[in-house]
Amino acid sequence: MNIHIADKIAYFFIAFALYLLLRAFSEVHTAPLTNILLYVSIAISLLASNIPRVVDIPLHCVYPIRCVEIFSFGLALVCFLVLCMRHMFI
């Protein structure tokens, strides 16, 4: 089984996304909601961008997955900006 370097990077990002999801759900009662939303949106964006690289998906699913990726990336940016502004003013 010959795995190319691009596939190895994609598998790493998938594993990192799963770590972020586990971390977000384990800290759901202790961390602020913005942190949880940031972790989940980053994880969803990473999964939506890397799973199609290692798994063959039907062509009619490509556009919805791309929309989910872009939306979750935008949500992650908004959460990051909110966290930065919160730390600047507190």
PDB file of N, CA and C in Angstrom:
ATOM      1  N   MET A   1       0.849  -1.180   0.000  1.00  0.00           N
ATOM      2  CA  MET A   1       0.000   0.000   0.000  1.00  0.00           C
ATOM      3  C   MET A   1       0.885   1.230   0.000  1.00  0.00           C
ATOM      4  N   ASN A   2       0.838   1.961  -1.070  1.00  0.00           N
ATOM      5  CA  ASN A   2       1.678   3.142  -1.234  1.00  0.00           C
ATOM      6  C   ASN A   2       0.833   4.390  -0.986  1.00  0.00           C
ATOM      7  N   ILE A   3       1.077   5.059   0.132  1.00  0.00           N
ATOM      8  CA  ILE A   3       0.343   6.274   0.462  1.00  0.00           C
ATOM      9  C   ILE A   3       1.225   7.470   0.120  1.00  0.00           C
ATOM     10  N   HIS A   4       0.701   8.362  -0.697  1.00  0.00           N
ATOM     11  CA  HIS A   4       1.448   9.546  -1.091  1.00  0.00           C
ATOM     12  C   HIS A   4       1.497  10.543   0.052  1.00  0.00           C
ATOM     13  N   ILE A   5       2.407  11.499  -0.054  1.00  0.00           N
ATOM     14  CA  ILE A   5       2.590  12.491   1.006  1.00  0.00           C
ATOM     15  C   ILE A   5       1.339  13.356   1.174  1.00  0.00           C
ATOM     16  N   ALA A   6       0.631  13.639   0.087  1.00  0.00           N
ATOM     17  CA  ALA A   6      -0.600  14.434   0.188  1.00  0.00           C
ATOM     18  C   ALA A   6      -1.664  13.685   0.983  1.00  0.00           C
ATOM     19  N   ASP A   7      -1.733  12.373   0.802  1.00  0.00           N
ATOM     20  CA  ASP A   7      -2.687  11.582   1.578  1.00  0.00           C
ATOM     21  C   ASP A   7      -2.302  11.551   3.049  1.00  0.00           C
ATOM     22  N   LYS A   8      -1.008  11.486   3.336  1.00  0.00           N
ATOM     23  CA  LYS A   8      -0.554  11.494   4.727  1.00  0.00           C
ATOM     24  C   LYS A   8      -0.914  12.803   5.416  1.00  0.00           C
ATOM     25  N   ILE A   9      -0.771  13.907   4.694  1.00  0.00           N
ATOM     26  CA  ILE A   9      -1.133  15.214   5.258  1.00  0.00           C
ATOM     27  C   ILE A   9      -2.641  15.277   5.489  1.00  0.00           C
ATOM     28  N   ALA A  10      -3.415  14.755   4.549  1.00  0.00           N
ATOM     29  CA  ALA A  10      -4.871  14.749   4.708  1.00  0.00           C
ATOM     30  C   ALA A  10      -5.278  13.904   5.910  1.00  0.00           C
ATOM     31  N   TYR A  11      -4.642  12.752   6.084  1.00  0.00           N
ATOM     32  CA  TYR A  11      -4.952  11.913   7.252  1.00  0.00           C
ATOM     33  C   TYR A  11      -4.573  12.616   8.552  1.00  0.00           C
ATOM     34  N   PHE A  12      -3.474  13.352   8.547  1.00  0.00           N
ATOM     35  CA  PHE A  12      -3.080  14.105   9.735  1.00  0.00           C
ATOM     36  C   PHE A  12      -4.138  15.157  10.083  1.00  0.00           C
ATOM     37  N   PHE A  13      -4.619  15.894   9.082  1.00  0.00           N
ATOM     38  CA  PHE A  13      -5.635  16.913   9.332  1.00  0.00           C
ATOM     39  C   PHE A  13      -6.955  16.292   9.795  1.00  0.00           C
ATOM     40  N   ILE A  14      -7.289  15.112   9.293  1.00  0.00           N
ATOM     41  CA  ILE A  14      -8.491  14.422   9.746  1.00  0.00           C
ATOM     42  C   ILE A  14      -8.336  14.024  11.212  1.00  0.00           C
ATOM     43  N   ALA A  15      -7.172  13.516  11.568  1.00  0.00           N
ATOM     44  CA  ALA A  15      -6.928  13.139  12.965  1.00  0.00           C
ATOM     45  C   ALA A  15      -6.956  14.372  13.870  1.00  0.00           C
ATOM     46  N   PHE A  16      -6.395  15.468  13.407  1.00  0.00           N
ATOM     47  CA  PHE A  16      -6.408  16.698  14.192  1.00  0.00           C
ATOM     48  C   PHE A  16      -7.833  17.222  14.372  1.00  0.00           C
ATOM     49  N   ALA A  17      -8.651  17.099  13.329  1.00  0.00           N
ATOM     50  CA  ALA A  17     -10.054  17.522  13.429  1.00  0.00           C
ATOM     51  C   ALA A  17     -10.805  16.663  14.435  1.00  0.00           C
ATOM     52  N   LEU A  18     -10.542  15.373  14.443  1.00  0.00           N
ATOM     53  CA  LEU A  18     -11.187  14.507  15.432  1.00  0.00           C
ATOM     54  C   LEU A  18     -10.732  14.855  16.844  1.00  0.00           C
ATOM     55  N   TYR A  19      -9.457  15.199  17.005  1.00  0.00           N
ATOM     56  CA  TYR A  19      -8.964  15.650  18.306  1.00  0.00           C
ATOM     57  C   TYR A  19      -9.685  16.922  18.751  1.00  0.00           C
ATOM     58  N   LEU A  20      -9.856  17.871  17.831  1.00  0.00           N
ATOM     59  CA  LEU A  20     -10.555  19.109  18.173  1.00  0.00           C
ATOM     60  C   LEU A  20     -12.004  18.846  18.565  1.00  0.00           C
ATOM     61  N   LEU A  21     -12.661  17.933  17.866  1.00  0.00           N
ATOM     62  CA  LEU A  21     -14.043  17.598  18.229  1.00  0.00           C
ATOM     63  C   LEU A  21     -14.118  16.965  19.619  1.00  0.00           C
ATOM     64  N   LEU A  22     -13.206  16.043  19.894  1.00  0.00           N
ATOM     65  CA  LEU A  22     -13.196  15.427  21.220  1.00  0.00           C
ATOM     66  C   LEU A  22     -12.897  16.451  22.303  1.00  0.00           C
ATOM     67  N   ARG A  23     -11.980  17.352  22.029  1.00  0.00           N
ATOM     68  CA  ARG A  23     -11.648  18.389  23.007  1.00  0.00           C
ATOM     69  C   ARG A  23     -12.832  19.321  23.233  1.00  0.00           C
ATOM     70  N   ALA A  24     -13.507  19.696  22.160  1.00  0.00           N
ATOM     71  CA  ALA A  24     -14.650  20.598  22.290  1.00  0.00           C
ATOM     72  C   ALA A  24     -15.765  19.956  23.098  1.00  0.00           C
ATOM     73  N   PHE A  25     -16.051  18.694  22.829  1.00  0.00           N
ATOM     74  CA  PHE A  25     -17.150  18.044  23.536  1.00  0.00           C
ATOM     75  C   PHE A  25     -16.775  17.654  24.958  1.00  0.00           C
ATOM     76  N   SER A  26     -15.492  17.513  25.244  1.00  0.00           N
ATOM     77  CA  SER A  26     -15.110  17.216  26.624  1.00  0.00           C
ATOM     78  C   SER A  26     -15.090  18.472  27.491  1.00  0.00           C
ATOM     79  N   GLU A  27     -14.932  19.650  26.873  1.00  0.00           N
ATOM     80  CA  GLU A  27     -14.895  20.908  27.609  1.00  0.00           C
ATOM     81  C   GLU A  27     -16.206  21.693  27.503  1.00  0.00           C
ATOM     82  N   VAL A  28     -17.271  21.046  27.109  1.00  0.00           N
ATOM     83  CA  VAL A  28     -18.513  21.757  26.823  1.00  0.00           C
ATOM     84  C   VAL A  28     -19.093  22.442  28.056  1.00  0.00           C
ATOM     85  N   HIS A  29     -18.861  21.914  29.233  1.00  0.00           N
ATOM     86  CA  HIS A  29     -19.428  22.522  30.442  1.00  0.00           C
ATOM     87  C   HIS A  29     -18.478  23.512  31.114  1.00  0.00           C
ATOM     88  N   THR A  30     -17.214  23.534  30.728  1.00  0.00           N
ATOM     89  CA  THR A  30     -16.245  24.396  31.406  1.00  0.00           C
ATOM     90  C   THR A  30     -15.757  25.557  30.554  1.00  0.00           C
ATOM     91  N   ALA A  31     -15.643  25.372  29.266  1.00  0.00           N
ATOM     92  CA  ALA A  31     -15.102  26.409  28.386  1.00  0.00           C
ATOM     93  C   ALA A  31     -16.216  27.335  27.907  1.00  0.00           C
ATOM     94  N   PRO A  32     -15.858  28.566  27.532  1.00  0.00           N
ATOM     95  CA  PRO A  32     -16.865  29.476  26.956  1.00  0.00           C
ATOM     96  C   PRO A  32     -17.405  28.941  25.620  1.00  0.00           C
ATOM     97  N   LEU A  33     -18.615  29.352  25.304  1.00  0.00           N
ATOM     98  CA  LEU A  33     -19.276  28.880  24.090  1.00  0.00           C
ATOM     99  C   LEU A  33     -18.495  29.258  22.826  1.00  0.00           C
ATOM    100  N   THR A  34     -17.839  30.402  22.847  1.00  0.00           N
ATOM    101  CA  THR A  34     -17.070  30.829  21.677  1.00  0.00           C
ATOM    102  C   THR A  34     -15.915  29.875  21.404  1.00  0.00           C
ATOM    103  N   ASN A  35     -15.252  29.402  22.438  1.00  0.00           N
ATOM    104  CA  ASN A  35     -14.158  28.440  22.255  1.00  0.00           C
ATOM    105  C   ASN A  35     -14.679  27.131  21.674  1.00  0.00           C
ATOM    106  N   ILE A  36     -15.793  26.653  22.211  1.00  0.00           N
ATOM    107  CA  ILE A  36     -16.367  25.400  21.723  1.00  0.00           C
ATOM    108  C   ILE A  36     -16.768  25.540  20.256  1.00  0.00           C
ATOM    109  N   LEU A  37     -17.409  26.655  19.929  1.00  0.00           N
ATOM    110  CA  LEU A  37     -17.825  26.896  18.544  1.00  0.00           C
ATOM    111  C   LEU A  37     -16.627  27.018  17.619  1.00  0.00           C
ATOM    112  N   LEU A  38     -15.551  27.629  18.102  1.00  0.00           N
ATOM    113  CA  LEU A  38     -14.329  27.737  17.296  1.00  0.00           C
ATOM    114  C   LEU A  38     -13.755  26.360  17.015  1.00  0.00           C
ATOM    115  N   TYR A  39     -13.619  25.519  18.041  1.00  0.00           N
ATOM    116  CA  TYR A  39     -13.072  24.176  17.848  1.00  0.00           C
ATOM    117  C   TYR A  39     -13.926  23.350  16.893  1.00  0.00           C
ATOM    118  N   VAL A  40     -15.238  23.405  17.069  1.00  0.00           N
ATOM    119  CA  VAL A  40     -16.126  22.604  16.223  1.00  0.00           C
ATOM    120  C   VAL A  40     -16.104  23.102  14.780  1.00  0.00           C
ATOM    121  N   SER A  41     -16.097  24.407  14.574  1.00  0.00           N
ATOM    122  CA  SER A  41     -16.102  24.918  13.203  1.00  0.00           C
ATOM    123  C   SER A  41     -14.776  24.641  12.497  1.00  0.00           C
ATOM    124  N   ILE A  42     -13.665  24.720  13.214  1.00  0.00           N
ATOM    125  CA  ILE A  42     -12.375  24.362  12.601  1.00  0.00           C
ATOM    126  C   ILE A  42     -12.370  22.884  12.237  1.00  0.00           C
ATOM    127  N   ALA A  43     -12.871  22.048  13.136  1.00  0.00           N
ATOM    128  CA  ALA A  43     -12.902  20.611  12.870  1.00  0.00           C
ATOM    129  C   ALA A  43     -13.771  20.279  11.669  1.00  0.00           C
ATOM    130  N   ILE A  44     -14.931  20.903  11.582  1.00  0.00           N
ATOM    131  CA  ILE A  44     -15.816  20.641  10.441  1.00  0.00           C
ATOM    132  C   ILE A  44     -15.175  21.103   9.141  1.00  0.00           C
ATOM    133  N   SER A  45     -14.524  22.253   9.177  1.00  0.00           N
ATOM    134  CA  SER A  45     -13.850  22.749   7.981  1.00  0.00           C
ATOM    135  C   SER A  45     -12.718  21.808   7.552  1.00  0.00           C
ATOM    136  N   LEU A  46     -11.937  21.332   8.510  1.00  0.00           N
ATOM    137  CA  LEU A  46     -10.858  20.398   8.185  1.00  0.00           C
ATOM    138  C   LEU A  46     -11.399  19.083   7.638  1.00  0.00           C
ATOM    139  N   LEU A  47     -12.462  18.576   8.243  1.00  0.00           N
ATOM    140  CA  LEU A  47     -13.035  17.329   7.751  1.00  0.00           C
ATOM    141  C   LEU A  47     -13.629  17.490   6.361  1.00  0.00           C
ATOM    142  N   ALA A  48     -14.322  18.600   6.136  1.00  0.00           N
ATOM    143  CA  ALA A  48     -14.960  18.814   4.830  1.00  0.00           C
ATOM    144  C   ALA A  48     -13.932  19.020   3.724  1.00  0.00           C
ATOM    145  N   SER A  49     -12.756  19.527   4.064  1.00  0.00           N
ATOM    146  CA  SER A  49     -11.761  19.748   3.021  1.00  0.00           C
ATOM    147  C   SER A  49     -10.848  18.543   2.807  1.00  0.00           C
ATOM    148  N   ASN A  50     -10.695  17.665   3.798  1.00  0.00           N
ATOM    149  CA  ASN A  50      -9.730  16.579   3.666  1.00  0.00           C
ATOM    150  C   ASN A  50     -10.343  15.204   3.431  1.00  0.00           C
ATOM    151  N   ILE A  51     -11.544  14.957   3.882  1.00  0.00           N
ATOM    152  CA  ILE A  51     -12.148  13.645   3.640  1.00  0.00           C
ATOM    153  C   ILE A  51     -12.347  13.381   2.145  1.00  0.00           C
ATOM    154  N   PRO A  52     -12.800  14.363   1.335  1.00  0.00           N
ATOM    155  CA  PRO A  52     -12.914  14.076  -0.107  1.00  0.00           C
ATOM    156  C   PRO A  52     -11.578  13.791  -0.793  1.00  0.00           C
ATOM    157  N   ARG A  53     -10.469  14.141  -0.163  1.00  0.00           N
ATOM    158  CA  ARG A  53      -9.161  13.843  -0.767  1.00  0.00           C
ATOM    159  C   ARG A  53      -8.769  12.385  -0.602  1.00  0.00           C
ATOM    160  N   VAL A  54      -9.278  11.734   0.424  1.00  0.00           N
ATOM    161  CA  VAL A  54      -8.880  10.351   0.670  1.00  0.00           C
ATOM    162  C   VAL A  54     -10.013   9.354   0.418  1.00  0.00           C
ATOM    163  N   VAL A  55     -11.245   9.834   0.264  1.00  0.00           N
ATOM    164  CA  VAL A  55     -12.396   8.966   0.009  1.00  0.00           C
ATOM    165  C   VAL A  55     -13.071   9.430  -1.278  1.00  0.00           C
ATOM    166  N   ASP A  56     -13.400   8.482  -2.128  1.00  0.00           N
ATOM    167  CA  ASP A  56     -14.135   8.826  -3.345  1.00  0.00           C
ATOM    168  C   ASP A  56     -15.578   9.137  -2.978  1.00  0.00           C
ATOM    169  N   ILE A  57     -16.015  10.332  -3.347  1.00  0.00           N
ATOM    170  CA  ILE A  57     -17.391  10.732  -3.079  1.00  0.00           C
ATOM    171  C   ILE A  57     -18.100  10.967  -4.407  1.00  0.00           C
ATOM    172  N   PRO A  58     -19.420  10.810  -4.422  1.00  0.00           N
ATOM    173  CA  PRO A  58     -20.159  11.070  -5.666  1.00  0.00           C
ATOM    174  C   PRO A  58     -20.047  12.535  -6.084  1.00  0.00           C
ATOM    175  N   LEU A  59     -20.102  12.752  -7.352  1.00  0.00           N
ATOM    176  CA  LEU A  59     -19.918  14.090  -7.896  1.00  0.00           C
ATOM    177  C   LEU A  59     -21.005  15.056  -7.444  1.00  0.00           C
ATOM    178  N   HIS A  60     -22.219  14.576  -7.212  1.00  0.00           N
ATOM    179  CA  HIS A  60     -23.295  15.468  -6.791  1.00  0.00           C
ATOM    180  C   HIS A  60     -23.142  15.920  -5.340  1.00  0.00           C
ATOM    181  N   CYS A  61     -22.218  15.337  -4.598  1.00  0.00           N
ATOM    182  CA  CYS A  61     -21.981  15.741  -3.205  1.00  0.00           C
ATOM    183  C   CYS A  61     -20.852  16.754  -3.058  1.00  0.00           C
ATOM    184  N   VAL A  62     -20.150  17.046  -4.111  1.00  0.00           N
ATOM    185  CA  VAL A  62     -18.982  17.921  -4.019  1.00  0.00           C
ATOM    186  C   VAL A  62     -19.389  19.353  -3.676  1.00  0.00           C
ATOM    187  N   TYR A  63     -20.379  19.885  -4.343  1.00  0.00           N
ATOM    188  CA  TYR A  63     -20.790  21.268  -4.093  1.00  0.00           C
ATOM    189  C   TYR A  63     -21.319  21.478  -2.670  1.00  0.00           C
ATOM    190  N   PRO A  64     -22.203  20.617  -2.148  1.00  0.00           N
ATOM    191  CA  PRO A  64     -22.650  20.816  -0.755  1.00  0.00           C
ATOM    192  C   PRO A  64     -21.510  20.711   0.264  1.00  0.00           C
ATOM    193  N   ILE A  65     -20.570  19.796   0.030  1.00  0.00           N
ATOM    194  CA  ILE A  65     -19.432  19.678   0.951  1.00  0.00           C
ATOM    195  C   ILE A  65     -18.576  20.935   0.892  1.00  0.00           C
ATOM    196  N   ARG A  66     -18.395  21.471  -0.279  1.00  0.00           N
ATOM    197  CA  ARG A  66     -17.624  22.711  -0.425  1.00  0.00           C
ATOM    198  C   ARG A  66     -18.322  23.872   0.282  1.00  0.00           C
ATOM    199  N   CYS A  67     -19.648  23.944   0.179  1.00  0.00           N
ATOM    200  CA  CYS A  67     -20.401  24.996   0.877  1.00  0.00           C
ATOM    201  C   CYS A  67     -20.261  24.861   2.392  1.00  0.00           C
ATOM    202  N   VAL A  68     -20.320  23.637   2.903  1.00  0.00           N
ATOM    203  CA  VAL A  68     -20.136  23.409   4.337  1.00  0.00           C
ATOM    204  C   VAL A  68     -18.737  23.831   4.762  1.00  0.00           C
ATOM    205  N   GLU A  69     -17.750  23.505   3.948  1.00  0.00           N
ATOM    206  CA  GLU A  69     -16.366  23.886   4.254  1.00  0.00           C
ATOM    207  C   GLU A  69     -16.206  25.403   4.337  1.00  0.00           C
ATOM    208  N   ILE A  70     -16.746  26.115   3.368  1.00  0.00           N
ATOM    209  CA  ILE A  70     -16.612  27.572   3.344  1.00  0.00           C
ATOM    210  C   ILE A  70     -17.374  28.208   4.507  1.00  0.00           C
ATOM    211  N   PHE A  71     -18.590  27.728   4.793  1.00  0.00           N
ATOM    212  CA  PHE A  71     -19.369  28.274   5.898  1.00  0.00           C
ATOM    213  C   PHE A  71     -18.678  28.039   7.233  1.00  0.00           C
ATOM    214  N   SER A  72     -18.180  26.828   7.453  1.00  0.00           N
ATOM    215  CA  SER A  72     -17.539  26.542   8.742  1.00  0.00           C
ATOM    216  C   SER A  72     -16.215  27.296   8.874  1.00  0.00           C
ATOM    217  N   PHE A  73     -15.502  27.509   7.788  1.00  0.00           N
ATOM    218  CA  PHE A  73     -14.283  28.309   7.841  1.00  0.00           C
ATOM    219  C   PHE A  73     -14.616  29.757   8.184  1.00  0.00           C
ATOM    220  N   GLY A  74     -15.660  30.298   7.580  1.00  0.00           N
ATOM    221  CA  GLY A  74     -16.083  31.659   7.910  1.00  0.00           C
ATOM    222  C   GLY A  74     -16.527  31.789   9.352  1.00  0.00           C
ATOM    223  N   LEU A  75     -17.241  30.786   9.843  1.00  0.00           N
ATOM    224  CA  LEU A  75     -17.658  30.783  11.241  1.00  0.00           C
ATOM    225  C   LEU A  75     -16.448  30.719  12.169  1.00  0.00           C
ATOM    226  N   ALA A  76     -15.445  29.945  11.798  1.00  0.00           N
ATOM    227  CA  ALA A  76     -14.222  29.873  12.601  1.00  0.00           C
ATOM    228  C   ALA A  76     -13.509  31.225  12.631  1.00  0.00           C
ATOM    229  N   LEU A  77     -13.484  31.919  11.510  1.00  0.00           N
ATOM    230  CA  LEU A  77     -12.868  33.253  11.483  1.00  0.00           C
ATOM    231  C   LEU A  77     -13.617  34.229  12.377  1.00  0.00           C
ATOM    232  N   VAL A  78     -14.941  34.191  12.328  1.00  0.00           N
ATOM    233  CA  VAL A  78     -15.739  35.082  13.174  1.00  0.00           C
ATOM    234  C   VAL A  78     -15.492  34.774  14.649  1.00  0.00           C
ATOM    235  N   CYS A  79     -15.481  33.501  15.007  1.00  0.00           N
ATOM    236  CA  CYS A  79     -15.223  33.122  16.410  1.00  0.00           C
ATOM    237  C   CYS A  79     -13.833  33.548  16.845  1.00  0.00           C
ATOM    238  N   PHE A  80     -12.863  33.395  15.974  1.00  0.00           N
ATOM    239  CA  PHE A  80     -11.503  33.815  16.301  1.00  0.00           C
ATOM    240  C   PHE A  80     -11.437  35.322  16.524  1.00  0.00           C
ATOM    241  N   LEU A  81     -12.107  36.090  15.677  1.00  0.00           N
ATOM    242  CA  LEU A  81     -12.115  37.542  15.851  1.00  0.00           C
ATOM    243  C   LEU A  81     -12.821  37.947  17.140  1.00  0.00           C
ATOM    244  N   VAL A  82     -13.913  37.263  17.474  1.00  0.00           N
ATOM    245  CA  VAL A  82     -14.618  37.548  18.730  1.00  0.00           C
ATOM    246  C   VAL A  82     -13.711  37.240  19.920  1.00  0.00           C
ATOM    247  N   LEU A  83     -13.002  36.126  19.871  1.00  0.00           N
ATOM    248  CA  LEU A  83     -12.084  35.790  20.957  1.00  0.00           C
ATOM    249  C   LEU A  83     -10.957  36.808  21.077  1.00  0.00           C
ATOM    250  N   CYS A  84     -10.432  37.258  19.948  1.00  0.00           N
ATOM    251  CA  CYS A  84      -9.365  38.273  19.979  1.00  0.00           C
ATOM    252  C   CYS A  84      -9.882  39.583  20.560  1.00  0.00           C
ATOM    253  N   MET A  85     -11.070  39.992  20.152  1.00  0.00           N
ATOM    254  CA  MET A  85     -11.623  41.246  20.672  1.00  0.00           C
ATOM    255  C   MET A  85     -11.947  41.123  22.152  1.00  0.00           C
ATOM    256  N   ARG A  86     -12.402  39.951  22.587  1.00  0.00           N
ATOM    257  CA  ARG A  86     -12.694  39.738  23.995  1.00  0.00           C
ATOM    258  C   ARG A  86     -11.422  39.843  24.841  1.00  0.00           C
ATOM    259  N   HIS A  87     -10.320  39.289  24.332  1.00  0.00           N
ATOM    260  CA  HIS A  87      -9.052  39.357  25.072  1.00  0.00           C
ATOM    261  C   HIS A  87      -8.445  40.757  25.034  1.00  0.00           C
ATOM    262  N   MET A  88      -8.744  41.520  24.003  1.00  0.00           N
ATOM    263  CA  MET A  88      -8.206  42.892  23.924  1.00  0.00           C
ATOM    264  C   MET A  88      -8.918  43.831  24.896  1.00  0.00           C
ATOM    265  N   PHE A  89     -10.216  43.610  25.092  1.00  0.00           N
ATOM    266  CA  PHE A  89     -10.981  44.518  25.929  1.00  0.00           C
ATOM    267  C   PHE A  89     -11.096  44.082  27.392  1.00  0.00           C
ATOM    268  N   ILE A  90     -10.705  42.858  27.686  1.00  0.00           N
ATOM    269  CA  ILE A  90     -10.778  42.380  29.074  1.00  0.00           C
ATOM    270  C   ILE A  90      -9.406  42.456  29.703  1.00  0.00           C
TER     271      ILE A  90
END
